[in-house]
Amino acid sequence: MTNPKITRVYITTDEEGHWYVIPYDMKDEFLSKLCYDVEEFEVVFSKYRTGGDINNVSLFILENY
């Protein structure tokens, strides 16, 4: 069994109000594709859509860092 990788994320919505939790290093790509290419956007980012409620995703914080 492998250990899960912890990745910094960016939490945002699209123009229709769908919530996304995406890897932070994809933030600029998300914002640029949001405006231009709907099909490519879906291919790349649909797996990061939360399914309606941001609380459907487990979020964690680092304390005492």
Protein backbone atom coordinates (compact mmCIF):
# COMPACT_ATOMS: atom_id res chain seq x y z
CA MET A 1 0.00 0.00 0.00
CA THR A 2 1.38 3.44 -0.94
CA ASN A 3 1.13 6.56 1.16
CA PRO A 4 -1.17 9.25 -0.22
CA LYS A 5 0.49 12.42 -1.49
CA ILE A 6 -0.50 15.67 0.21
CA THR A 7 -0.96 18.44 -2.35
CA ARG A 8 -1.79 22.11 -1.88
CA VAL A 9 -5.19 22.83 -3.45
CA TYR A 10 -7.16 25.73 -4.84
CA ILE A 11 -10.90 25.79 -4.10
CA THR A 12 -13.07 27.69 -6.56
CA THR A 13 -16.30 27.72 -8.54
CA ASP A 14 -17.05 27.93 -12.23
CA GLU A 15 -19.51 30.34 -13.85
CA GLU A 16 -22.38 27.95 -13.11
CA GLY A 17 -21.57 27.66 -9.40
CA HIS A 18 -20.00 24.17 -9.47
CA TRP A 19 -17.31 23.75 -6.81
CA TYR A 20 -13.85 22.44 -7.71
CA VAL A 21 -10.90 21.40 -5.56
CA ILE A 22 -7.92 21.43 -7.91
CA PRO A 23 -4.17 21.11 -7.42
CA TYR A 24 -2.86 24.62 -6.73
CA ASP A 25 -0.33 24.41 -9.54
CA MET A 26 -3.26 24.07 -12.00
CA LYS A 27 -4.93 27.31 -10.85
CA ASP A 28 -3.83 29.44 -13.83
CA GLU A 29 -4.74 26.69 -16.28
CA PHE A 30 -8.19 26.39 -14.66
CA LEU A 31 -8.82 30.12 -14.92
CA SER A 32 -7.68 30.32 -18.56
CA LYS A 33 -9.62 27.25 -19.75
CA LEU A 34 -12.74 28.41 -17.93
CA CYS A 35 -13.11 31.18 -20.49
CA TYR A 36 -12.04 29.48 -23.71
CA ASP A 37 -12.44 25.77 -24.33
CA VAL A 38 -15.43 24.02 -22.76
CA GLU A 39 -14.63 20.52 -24.06
CA GLU A 40 -10.99 20.62 -22.99
CA PHE A 41 -12.01 22.13 -19.65
CA GLU A 42 -14.31 19.17 -19.00
CA VAL A 43 -11.65 16.62 -19.93
CA VAL A 44 -9.06 18.18 -17.63
CA PHE A 45 -11.11 19.44 -14.68
CA SER A 46 -14.33 17.41 -14.36
CA LYS A 47 -12.57 14.95 -12.02
CA TYR A 48 -12.00 17.81 -9.56
CA ARG A 49 -15.69 18.84 -9.40
CA THR A 50 -17.11 18.19 -5.94
CA GLY A 51 -20.60 17.13 -6.95
CA GLY A 52 -22.44 20.13 -5.58
CA ASP A 53 -21.32 20.79 -2.04
CA ILE A 54 -17.80 21.73 -0.98
CA ASN A 55 -18.41 19.63 2.13
CA ASN A 56 -18.39 16.50 -0.07
CA VAL A 57 -14.59 16.81 -0.02
CA SER A 58 -12.42 16.07 3.01
CA LEU A 59 -10.32 19.14 3.74
CA PHE A 60 -7.37 19.33 6.10
CA ILE A 61 -5.22 22.08 7.57
CA LEU A 62 -1.68 22.13 8.86
CA GLU A 63 -1.38 23.34 12.42
CA ASN A 64 1.79 24.49 14.16
CA TYR A 65 3.85 24.62 10.99
